[in-house]
Amino acid sequence: MMDIQKILDDIATKMANETDRGKVADYIPQLAHVNPNQFGIAVATPDGQVYTAGDTGTLFSIQSISKVFTLGCV
């Protein structure tokens, strides 16, 4: 059986060690102050289990990705 938590922990560890994290979008004020070293990942399964790793307790602005959720609701 697949160990989802271990997979997410491994991904979060790999991302924590990544040195080339890119640049935050400074043309959007909310994003200009984001720490580019933050990374969080979450998976929710159909049976209601939720697995998380990384900076999942950190609040963040979803900006343009919200359009995807809105489209999914339509």
PDB file of N, CA and C in Angstrom:
ATOM      1  N   MET A   1       0.837  -1.184   0.000  1.00  0.00           N
ATOM      2  CA  MET A   1       0.000   0.000   0.000  1.00  0.00           C
ATOM      3  C   MET A   1       0.881   1.246   0.000  1.00  0.00           C
ATOM      4  N   MET A   2       0.429   2.273  -0.696  1.00  0.00           N
ATOM      5  CA  MET A   2       1.184   3.518  -0.825  1.00  0.00           C
ATOM      6  C   MET A   2       1.112   4.316   0.477  1.00  0.00           C
ATOM      7  N   ASP A   3       2.257   4.795   0.948  1.00  0.00           N
ATOM      8  CA  ASP A   3       2.320   5.615   2.158  1.00  0.00           C
ATOM      9  C   ASP A   3       2.322   7.083   1.733  1.00  0.00           C
ATOM     10  N   ILE A   4       1.123   7.658   1.664  1.00  0.00           N
ATOM     11  CA  ILE A   4       0.970   9.029   1.179  1.00  0.00           C
ATOM     12  C   ILE A   4       1.751  10.013   2.042  1.00  0.00           C
ATOM     13  N   GLN A   5       1.691   9.848   3.358  1.00  0.00           N
ATOM     14  CA  GLN A   5       2.383  10.779   4.240  1.00  0.00           C
ATOM     15  C   GLN A   5       3.882  10.763   3.992  1.00  0.00           C
ATOM     16  N   LYS A   6       4.465   9.591   3.808  1.00  0.00           N
ATOM     17  CA  LYS A   6       5.902   9.500   3.537  1.00  0.00           C
ATOM     18  C   LYS A   6       6.248  10.178   2.216  1.00  0.00           C
ATOM     19  N   ILE A   7       5.416   9.989   1.218  1.00  0.00           N
ATOM     20  CA  ILE A   7       5.660  10.616  -0.087  1.00  0.00           C
ATOM     21  C   ILE A   7       5.644  12.144   0.060  1.00  0.00           C
ATOM     22  N   LEU A   8       4.649  12.676   0.772  1.00  0.00           N
ATOM     23  CA  LEU A   8       4.561  14.122   0.965  1.00  0.00           C
ATOM     24  C   LEU A   8       5.732  14.641   1.792  1.00  0.00           C
ATOM     25  N   ASP A   9       6.108  13.905   2.825  1.00  0.00           N
ATOM     26  CA  ASP A   9       7.268  14.305   3.637  1.00  0.00           C
ATOM     27  C   ASP A   9       8.535  14.343   2.796  1.00  0.00           C
ATOM     28  N   ASP A  10       8.699  13.356   1.923  1.00  0.00           N
ATOM     29  CA  ASP A  10       9.873  13.323   1.044  1.00  0.00           C
ATOM     30  C   ASP A  10       9.882  14.520   0.090  1.00  0.00           C
ATOM     31  N   ILE A  11       8.712  14.857  -0.461  1.00  0.00           N
ATOM     32  CA  ILE A  11       8.615  16.010  -1.358  1.00  0.00           C
ATOM     33  C   ILE A  11       8.960  17.292  -0.604  1.00  0.00           C
ATOM     34  N   ALA A  12       8.400  17.457   0.597  1.00  0.00           N
ATOM     35  CA  ALA A  12       8.652  18.657   1.392  1.00  0.00           C
ATOM     36  C   ALA A  12      10.135  18.778   1.749  1.00  0.00           C
ATOM     37  N   THR A  13      10.772  17.671   2.077  1.00  0.00           N
ATOM     38  CA  THR A  13      12.207  17.679   2.386  1.00  0.00           C
ATOM     39  C   THR A  13      13.017  18.074   1.160  1.00  0.00           C
ATOM     40  N   LYS A  14      12.659  17.517   0.014  1.00  0.00           N
ATOM     41  CA  LYS A  14      13.361  17.853  -1.221  1.00  0.00           C
ATOM     42  C   LYS A  14      13.211  19.345  -1.532  1.00  0.00           C
ATOM     43  N   MET A  15      12.021  19.883  -1.360  1.00  0.00           N
ATOM     44  CA  MET A  15      11.796  21.300  -1.633  1.00  0.00           C
ATOM     45  C   MET A  15      12.532  22.190  -0.625  1.00  0.00           C
ATOM     46  N   ALA A  16      12.620  21.759   0.626  1.00  0.00           N
ATOM     47  CA  ALA A  16      13.336  22.538   1.645  1.00  0.00           C
ATOM     48  C   ALA A  16      14.814  22.654   1.300  1.00  0.00           C
ATOM     49  N   ASN A  17      15.346  21.649   0.623  1.00  0.00           N
ATOM     50  CA  ASN A  17      16.760  21.649   0.253  1.00  0.00           C
ATOM     51  C   ASN A  17      17.022  22.296  -1.102  1.00  0.00           C
ATOM     52  N   GLU A  18      15.973  22.648  -1.820  1.00  0.00           N
ATOM     53  CA  GLU A  18      16.106  23.257  -3.142  1.00  0.00           C
ATOM     54  C   GLU A  18      16.610  24.692  -3.001  1.00  0.00           C
ATOM     55  N   THR A  19      17.649  25.035  -3.739  1.00  0.00           N
ATOM     56  CA  THR A  19      18.219  26.378  -3.635  1.00  0.00           C
ATOM     57  C   THR A  19      17.690  27.325  -4.716  1.00  0.00           C
ATOM     58  N   ASP A  20      17.250  26.812  -5.827  1.00  0.00           N
ATOM     59  CA  ASP A  20      16.726  27.649  -6.909  1.00  0.00           C
ATOM     60  C   ASP A  20      15.205  27.661  -6.828  1.00  0.00           C
ATOM     61  N   ARG A  21      14.669  28.565  -6.006  1.00  0.00           N
ATOM     62  CA  ARG A  21      13.224  28.599  -5.761  1.00  0.00           C
ATOM     63  C   ARG A  21      12.498  29.618  -6.624  1.00  0.00           C
ATOM     64  N   GLY A  22      13.203  30.310  -7.477  1.00  0.00           N
ATOM     65  CA  GLY A  22      12.566  31.310  -8.324  1.00  0.00           C
ATOM     66  C   GLY A  22      12.411  32.633  -7.613  1.00  0.00           C
ATOM     67  N   LYS A  23      11.558  33.486  -8.175  1.00  0.00           N
ATOM     68  CA  LYS A  23      11.352  34.832  -7.656  1.00  0.00           C
ATOM     69  C   LYS A  23       9.863  35.017  -7.413  1.00  0.00           C
ATOM     70  N   VAL A  24       9.514  35.651  -6.303  1.00  0.00           N
ATOM     71  CA  VAL A  24       8.100  35.914  -6.038  1.00  0.00           C
ATOM     72  C   VAL A  24       7.612  37.020  -6.971  1.00  0.00           C
ATOM     73  N   ALA A  25       6.309  36.997  -7.252  1.00  0.00           N
ATOM     74  CA  ALA A  25       5.704  38.001  -8.136  1.00  0.00           C
ATOM     75  C   ALA A  25       5.592  39.323  -7.388  1.00  0.00           C
ATOM     76  N   ASP A  26       6.508  40.226  -7.647  1.00  0.00           N
ATOM     77  CA  ASP A  26       6.511  41.488  -6.902  1.00  0.00           C
ATOM     78  C   ASP A  26       5.554  42.532  -7.475  1.00  0.00           C
ATOM     79  N   TYR A  27       4.903  42.229  -8.587  1.00  0.00           N
ATOM     80  CA  TYR A  27       3.925  43.160  -9.154  1.00  0.00           C
ATOM     81  C   TYR A  27       2.562  43.037  -8.467  1.00  0.00           C
ATOM     82  N   ILE A  28       2.404  42.049  -7.607  1.00  0.00           N
ATOM     83  CA  ILE A  28       1.195  41.876  -6.800  1.00  0.00           C
ATOM     84  C   ILE A  28       1.607  42.124  -5.353  1.00  0.00           C
ATOM     85  N   PRO A  29       1.088  43.187  -4.725  1.00  0.00           N
ATOM     86  CA  PRO A  29       1.540  43.556  -3.383  1.00  0.00           C
ATOM     87  C   PRO A  29       1.497  42.417  -2.360  1.00  0.00           C
ATOM     88  N   GLN A  30       0.437  41.613  -2.358  1.00  0.00           N
ATOM     89  CA  GLN A  30       0.337  40.520  -1.384  1.00  0.00           C
ATOM     90  C   GLN A  30       1.431  39.479  -1.590  1.00  0.00           C
ATOM     91  N   LEU A  31       1.826  39.285  -2.819  1.00  0.00           N
ATOM     92  CA  LEU A  31       2.847  38.274  -3.113  1.00  0.00           C
ATOM     93  C   LEU A  31       4.268  38.793  -2.954  1.00  0.00           C
ATOM     94  N   ALA A  32       4.444  40.091  -3.027  1.00  0.00           N
ATOM     95  CA  ALA A  32       5.787  40.682  -2.949  1.00  0.00           C
ATOM     96  C   ALA A  32       6.464  40.398  -1.615  1.00  0.00           C
ATOM     97  N   HIS A  33       5.676  40.134  -0.573  1.00  0.00           N
ATOM     98  CA  HIS A  33       6.237  39.922   0.769  1.00  0.00           C
ATOM     99  C   HIS A  33       6.332  38.450   1.153  1.00  0.00           C
ATOM    100  N   VAL A  34       6.060  37.565   0.208  1.00  0.00           N
ATOM    101  CA  VAL A  34       6.077  36.134   0.498  1.00  0.00           C
ATOM    102  C   VAL A  34       7.512  35.617   0.564  1.00  0.00           C
ATOM    103  N   ASN A  35       7.765  34.777   1.545  1.00  0.00           N
ATOM    104  CA  ASN A  35       9.067  34.133   1.680  1.00  0.00           C
ATOM    105  C   ASN A  35       9.161  33.021   0.622  1.00  0.00           C
ATOM    106  N   PRO A  36      10.068  33.124  -0.345  1.00  0.00           N
ATOM    107  CA  PRO A  36      10.148  32.111  -1.399  1.00  0.00           C
ATOM    108  C   PRO A  36      10.621  30.745  -0.907  1.00  0.00           C
ATOM    109  N   ASN A  37      11.066  30.662   0.330  1.00  0.00           N
ATOM    110  CA  ASN A  37      11.501  29.375   0.877  1.00  0.00           C
ATOM    111  C   ASN A  37      10.351  28.555   1.447  1.00  0.00           C
ATOM    112  N   GLN A  38       9.166  29.133   1.483  1.00  0.00           N
ATOM    113  CA  GLN A  38       8.012  28.396   2.007  1.00  0.00           C
ATOM    114  C   GLN A  38       7.507  27.413   0.963  1.00  0.00           C
ATOM    115  N   PHE A  39       7.063  26.259   1.448  1.00  0.00           N
ATOM    116  CA  PHE A  39       6.467  25.249   0.576  1.00  0.00           C
ATOM    117  C   PHE A  39       5.532  24.394   1.414  1.00  0.00           C
ATOM    118  N   GLY A  40       4.345  24.203   0.938  1.00  0.00           N
ATOM    119  CA  GLY A  40       3.399  23.324   1.616  1.00  0.00           C
ATOM    120  C   GLY A  40       2.651  22.508   0.592  1.00  0.00           C
ATOM    121  N   ILE A  41       2.270  21.312   0.987  1.00  0.00           N
ATOM    122  CA  ILE A  41       1.535  20.429   0.095  1.00  0.00           C
ATOM    123  C   ILE A  41       0.486  19.680   0.915  1.00  0.00           C
ATOM    124  N   ALA A  42      -0.681  19.473   0.319  1.00  0.00           N
ATOM    125  CA  ALA A  42      -1.758  18.748   0.986  1.00  0.00           C
ATOM    126  C   ALA A  42      -2.459  17.860  -0.028  1.00  0.00           C
ATOM    127  N   VAL A  43      -2.890  16.711   0.435  1.00  0.00           N
ATOM    128  CA  VAL A  43      -3.651  15.776  -0.390  1.00  0.00           C
ATOM    129  C   VAL A  43      -4.865  15.334   0.407  1.00  0.00           C
ATOM    130  N   ALA A  44      -6.037  15.432  -0.207  1.00  0.00           N
ATOM    131  CA  ALA A  44      -7.270  14.931   0.405  1.00  0.00           C
ATOM    132  C   ALA A  44      -7.753  13.751  -0.433  1.00  0.00           C
ATOM    133  N   THR A  45      -7.994  12.638   0.206  1.00  0.00           N
ATOM    134  CA  THR A  45      -8.427  11.439  -0.498  1.00  0.00           C
ATOM    135  C   THR A  45      -9.964  11.378  -0.539  1.00  0.00           C
ATOM    136  N   PRO A  46     -10.518  10.586  -1.436  1.00  0.00           N
ATOM    137  CA  PRO A  46     -11.976  10.484  -1.541  1.00  0.00           C
ATOM    138  C   PRO A  46     -12.651   9.999  -0.250  1.00  0.00           C
ATOM    139  N   ASP A  47     -11.912   9.279   0.592  1.00  0.00           N
ATOM    140  CA  ASP A  47     -12.513   8.774   1.833  1.00  0.00           C
ATOM    141  C   ASP A  47     -12.388   9.771   2.992  1.00  0.00           C
ATOM    142  N   GLY A  48     -11.906  10.981   2.704  1.00  0.00           N
ATOM    143  CA  GLY A  48     -11.861  12.034   3.716  1.00  0.00           C
ATOM    144  C   GLY A  48     -10.561  12.187   4.470  1.00  0.00           C
ATOM    145  N   GLN A  49      -9.572  11.379   4.176  1.00  0.00           N
ATOM    146  CA  GLN A  49      -8.268  11.517   4.821  1.00  0.00           C
ATOM    147  C   GLN A  49      -7.541  12.734   4.244  1.00  0.00           C
ATOM    148  N   VAL A  50      -6.865  13.482   5.099  1.00  0.00           N
ATOM    149  CA  VAL A  50      -6.092  14.632   4.658  1.00  0.00           C
ATOM    150  C   VAL A  50      -4.651  14.463   5.137  1.00  0.00           C
ATOM    151  N   TYR A  51      -3.725  14.589   4.208  1.00  0.00           N
ATOM    152  CA  TYR A  51      -2.304  14.456   4.498  1.00  0.00           C
ATOM    153  C   TYR A  51      -1.630  15.772   4.138  1.00  0.00           C
ATOM    154  N   THR A  52      -0.730  16.251   5.003  1.00  0.00           N
ATOM    155  CA  THR A  52      -0.046  17.513   4.755  1.00  0.00           C
ATOM    156  C   THR A  52       1.437  17.398   5.089  1.00  0.00           C
ATOM    157  N   ALA A  53       2.220  18.280   4.495  1.00  0.00           N
ATOM    158  CA  ALA A  53       3.657  18.349   4.794  1.00  0.00           C
ATOM    159  C   ALA A  53       4.159  19.741   4.445  1.00  0.00           C
ATOM    160  N   GLY A  54       5.207  20.153   5.110  1.00  0.00           N
ATOM    161  CA  GLY A  54       5.805  21.452   4.837  1.00  0.00           C
ATOM    162  C   GLY A  54       5.111  22.560   5.609  1.00  0.00           C
ATOM    163  N   ASP A  55       5.062  23.737   5.010  1.00  0.00           N
ATOM    164  CA  ASP A  55       4.519  24.931   5.660  1.00  0.00           C
ATOM    165  C   ASP A  55       3.005  25.033   5.490  1.00  0.00           C
ATOM    166  N   THR A  56       2.299  24.000   5.838  1.00  0.00           N
ATOM    167  CA  THR A  56       0.852  23.971   5.606  1.00  0.00           C
ATOM    168  C   THR A  56       0.062  24.808   6.596  1.00  0.00           C
ATOM    169  N   GLY A  57       0.692  25.259   7.656  1.00  0.00           N
ATOM    170  CA  GLY A  57       0.014  26.133   8.603  1.00  0.00           C
ATOM    171  C   GLY A  57       0.152  27.601   8.264  1.00  0.00           C
ATOM    172  N   THR A  58       0.905  27.909   7.221  1.00  0.00           N
ATOM    173  CA  THR A  58       1.140  29.289   6.815  1.00  0.00           C
ATOM    174  C   THR A  58       0.012  29.765   5.901  1.00  0.00           C
ATOM    175  N   LEU A  59      -0.605  30.887   6.252  1.00  0.00           N
ATOM    176  CA  LEU A  59      -1.640  31.461   5.400  1.00  0.00           C
ATOM    177  C   LEU A  59      -0.996  32.027   4.143  1.00  0.00           C
ATOM    178  N   PHE A  60      -1.723  31.969   3.026  1.00  0.00           N
ATOM    179  CA  PHE A  60      -1.201  32.516   1.782  1.00  0.00           C
ATOM    180  C   PHE A  60      -2.343  33.013   0.913  1.00  0.00           C
ATOM    181  N   SER A  61      -2.016  33.877  -0.016  1.00  0.00           N
ATOM    182  CA  SER A  61      -2.983  34.432  -0.960  1.00  0.00           C
ATOM    183  C   SER A  61      -3.046  33.521  -2.183  1.00  0.00           C
ATOM    184  N   ILE A  62      -4.255  33.117  -2.565  1.00  0.00           N
ATOM    185  CA  ILE A  62      -4.365  32.173  -3.682  1.00  0.00           C
ATOM    186  C   ILE A  62      -4.379  32.860  -5.048  1.00  0.00           C
ATOM    187  N   GLN A  63      -4.601  34.160  -5.098  1.00  0.00           N
ATOM    188  CA  GLN A  63      -4.547  34.947  -6.331  1.00  0.00           C
ATOM    189  C   GLN A  63      -5.214  34.238  -7.513  1.00  0.00           C
ATOM    190  N   SER A  64      -4.515  34.078  -8.624  1.00  0.00           N
ATOM    191  CA  SER A  64      -5.114  33.588  -9.867  1.00  0.00           C
ATOM    192  C   SER A  64      -5.577  32.137  -9.811  1.00  0.00           C
ATOM    193  N   ILE A  65      -5.024  31.339  -8.900  1.00  0.00           N
ATOM    194  CA  ILE A  65      -5.455  29.944  -8.831  1.00  0.00           C
ATOM    195  C   ILE A  65      -6.920  29.841  -8.428  1.00  0.00           C
ATOM    196  N   SER A  66      -7.459  30.909  -7.822  1.00  0.00           N
ATOM    197  CA  SER A  66      -8.872  30.900  -7.446  1.00  0.00           C
ATOM    198  C   SER A  66      -9.777  30.752  -8.659  1.00  0.00           C
ATOM    199  N   LYS A  67      -9.307  31.169  -9.804  1.00  0.00           N
ATOM    200  CA  LYS A  67     -10.099  31.045 -11.042  1.00  0.00           C
ATOM    201  C   LYS A  67     -10.364  29.583 -11.368  1.00  0.00           C
ATOM    202  N   VAL A  68      -9.410  28.722 -11.099  1.00  0.00           N
ATOM    203  CA  VAL A  68      -9.572  27.292 -11.355  1.00  0.00           C
ATOM    204  C   VAL A  68     -10.698  26.727 -10.486  1.00  0.00           C
ATOM    205  N   PHE A  69     -10.715  27.111  -9.202  1.00  0.00           N
ATOM    206  CA  PHE A  69     -11.764  26.622  -8.299  1.00  0.00           C
ATOM    207  C   PHE A  69     -13.131  27.164  -8.713  1.00  0.00           C
ATOM    208  N   THR A  70     -13.190  28.415  -9.121  1.00  0.00           N
ATOM    209  CA  THR A  70     -14.448  29.007  -9.573  1.00  0.00           C
ATOM    210  C   THR A  70     -14.957  28.291 -10.816  1.00  0.00           C
ATOM    211  N   LEU A  71     -14.082  28.035 -11.759  1.00  0.00           N
ATOM    212  CA  LEU A  71     -14.463  27.320 -12.975  1.00  0.00           C
ATOM    213  C   LEU A  71     -14.967  25.925 -12.648  1.00  0.00           C
ATOM    214  N   GLY A  72     -14.327  25.268 -11.692  1.00  0.00           N
ATOM    215  CA  GLY A  72     -14.765  23.938 -11.291  1.00  0.00           C
ATOM    216  C   GLY A  72     -16.168  23.942 -10.693  1.00  0.00           C
ATOM    217  N   CYS A  73     -16.513  25.011  -9.991  1.00  0.00           N
ATOM    218  CA  CYS A  73     -17.855  25.127  -9.398  1.00  0.00           C
ATOM    219  C   CYS A  73     -18.910  25.388 -10.460  1.00  0.00           C
ATOM    220  N   VAL A  74     -18.525  26.072 -11.528  1.00  0.00           N
ATOM    221  CA  VAL A  74     -19.480  26.410 -12.587  1.00  0.00           C
ATOM    222  C   VAL A  74     -19.790  25.160 -13.371  1.00  0.00           C
TER     223      VAL A  74
END
